[in-house]
């Protein structure tokens, strides 16, 4: 089972933080309380945000979008996370590059993708 990870976002400046051990304390930024992001699951009905996972040769290939996700300034995947029971890995995506990453493979875990327009998405394996 993967670690429980929570993500919070500032409604003003859009900064985002991830919290591994959430003890229920409120987080603040820009003098306001940060909002807890609830991950959604995308599927073939939402091809831009579907998280596609491929296990091959000891590596986990992650891409967002069975149809490529737009990577414009206004609508882009900015970060991918791999969370397992043993570790958390983060991959920041540069503007204009594909929404994809390669991680060391693992048997079980969760992959999160943050879209600056549509929010947080999650796929478990």
Protein backbone atom coordinates (compact mmCIF):
# COMPACT_ATOMS: atom_id res chain seq x y z
CA UNK A 1 0.00 0.00 0.00
CA UNK A 2 1.28 3.47 -0.89
CA UNK A 3 1.87 6.22 1.65
CA UNK A 4 -1.01 8.62 2.14
CA UNK A 5 -0.11 11.92 0.53
CA UNK A 6 -2.13 15.13 0.68
CA UNK A 7 -1.79 18.11 -1.64
CA UNK A 8 -2.72 21.70 -0.79
CA UNK A 9 -2.94 24.72 -3.09
CA UNK A 10 -3.03 28.43 -2.39
CA UNK A 11 -6.14 29.98 -4.00
CA UNK A 12 -4.29 33.28 -4.50
CA UNK A 13 -0.78 32.54 -5.82
CA UNK A 14 -1.44 28.88 -6.77
CA UNK A 15 1.58 27.55 -4.86
CA UNK A 16 1.23 23.87 -4.08
CA UNK A 17 2.62 21.76 -1.23
CA UNK A 18 2.51 18.04 -0.61
CA UNK A 19 2.21 16.67 2.93
CA UNK A 20 3.11 13.09 3.88
CA UNK A 21 2.00 13.15 7.51
CA UNK A 22 -1.13 15.31 7.65
CA UNK A 23 -1.94 15.95 11.31
CA UNK A 24 -4.93 18.16 10.51
CA UNK A 25 -3.18 21.51 10.94
CA UNK A 26 -4.29 24.23 8.57
CA UNK A 27 -1.72 25.50 6.10
CA UNK A 28 -1.63 29.15 5.11
CA UNK A 29 -0.17 31.09 2.20
CA UNK A 30 -0.78 34.70 1.12
CA UNK A 31 -2.59 35.23 4.45
CA UNK A 32 -5.29 32.70 3.54
CA UNK A 33 -5.90 29.02 4.20
CA UNK A 34 -4.63 26.64 1.53
CA UNK A 35 -7.18 24.34 -0.10
CA UNK A 36 -6.95 20.54 0.07
CA UNK A 37 -6.88 19.10 -3.45
CA UNK A 38 -9.01 15.98 -3.89
CA UNK A 39 -7.59 13.75 -6.64
CA UNK A 40 -9.88 12.67 -9.45
CA UNK A 41 -9.59 9.56 -11.59
CA UNK A 42 -9.56 10.14 -15.34
CA UNK A 43 -10.42 7.49 -17.90
CA UNK A 44 -11.17 7.18 -21.59
CA UNK A 45 -13.97 9.77 -21.21
CA UNK A 46 -11.28 12.31 -20.28
CA UNK A 47 -8.43 11.39 -22.66
CA UNK A 48 -6.37 14.53 -21.88
CA UNK A 49 -6.00 13.60 -18.20
CA UNK A 50 -5.92 9.80 -18.25
CA UNK A 51 -2.70 8.61 -16.59
CA UNK A 52 -1.16 5.92 -18.80
CA UNK A 53 1.30 3.57 -17.06
CA UNK A 54 3.65 1.16 -18.83
CA UNK A 55 5.90 -1.28 -16.93
CA UNK A 56 8.91 -2.28 -19.04
CA UNK A 57 12.44 -3.52 -18.30
CA UNK A 58 12.43 -2.43 -14.66
CA UNK A 59 11.09 1.03 -15.42
CA UNK A 60 7.69 2.66 -15.00
CA UNK A 61 6.80 4.95 -17.90
CA UNK A 62 4.16 7.54 -17.04
CA UNK A 63 2.39 9.79 -19.50
CA UNK A 64 -0.67 11.94 -19.05
CA UNK A 65 -3.23 11.69 -21.78
CA UNK A 66 -4.12 8.82 -24.03
CA UNK A 67 -4.54 11.82 -26.31
CA UNK A 68 -1.56 14.16 -25.59
CA UNK A 69 -2.27 16.71 -22.88
CA UNK A 70 -1.96 20.36 -23.97
CA UNK A 71 1.17 21.94 -22.52
CA UNK A 72 0.37 25.62 -23.00
CA UNK A 73 0.86 28.35 -20.40
CA UNK A 74 -2.88 28.32 -19.63
CA UNK A 75 -3.36 24.53 -19.49
CA UNK A 76 -0.53 22.17 -18.59
CA UNK A 77 0.54 19.27 -16.41
CA UNK A 78 3.19 20.77 -14.14
CA UNK A 79 4.14 17.90 -11.83
CA UNK A 80 4.01 14.10 -11.62
CA UNK A 81 4.38 12.16 -8.36
CA UNK A 82 5.02 8.45 -7.76
CA UNK A 83 4.07 7.37 -4.23
CA UNK A 84 4.79 3.90 -2.84
CA UNK A 85 4.98 2.51 0.69
CA UNK A 86 8.76 3.10 0.66
CA UNK A 87 9.26 6.39 -1.14
CA UNK A 88 7.86 9.41 -2.91
CA UNK A 89 9.28 10.65 -6.21
CA UNK A 90 8.49 13.97 -7.86
CA UNK A 91 9.04 14.98 -11.48
CA UNK A 92 8.53 18.63 -12.43
CA UNK A 93 7.64 19.15 -16.07
CA UNK A 94 9.13 22.07 -17.95
CA UNK A 95 6.78 24.29 -19.92
CA UNK A 96 6.24 23.09 -23.46
CA UNK A 97 7.55 19.55 -22.87
CA UNK A 98 5.42 16.38 -22.90
CA UNK A 99 3.56 15.41 -19.72
CA UNK A 100 5.61 12.28 -19.06
CA UNK A 101 8.24 10.79 -16.76
CA UNK A 102 10.22 7.60 -16.19
CA UNK A 103 10.62 6.14 -12.70
CA UNK A 104 12.18 2.96 -11.30
CA UNK A 105 9.47 0.31 -11.44
CA UNK A 106 7.60 -0.92 -8.39
CA UNK A 107 4.82 -3.45 -7.82
CA UNK A 108 2.26 -1.14 -6.23
CA UNK A 109 1.76 2.57 -5.90
CA UNK A 110 -0.10 5.70 -6.84
CA UNK A 111 0.74 8.20 -9.56
CA UNK A 112 -0.54 11.76 -9.25
CA UNK A 113 -0.60 14.38 -12.01
CA UNK A 114 -1.28 18.05 -11.31
CA UNK A 115 -2.96 20.08 -14.06
CA UNK A 116 -2.93 23.85 -13.52
CA UNK A 117 -6.44 24.13 -15.00
CA UNK A 118 -8.29 20.92 -14.04
CA UNK A 119 -6.62 20.01 -10.73
CA UNK A 120 -5.19 16.77 -9.36
CA UNK A 121 -5.55 13.33 -10.98
CA UNK A 122 -4.59 9.93 -9.59
CA UNK A 123 -4.02 6.41 -10.91
CA UNK A 124 -3.29 3.42 -8.67
CA UNK A 125 -1.56 0.21 -9.68
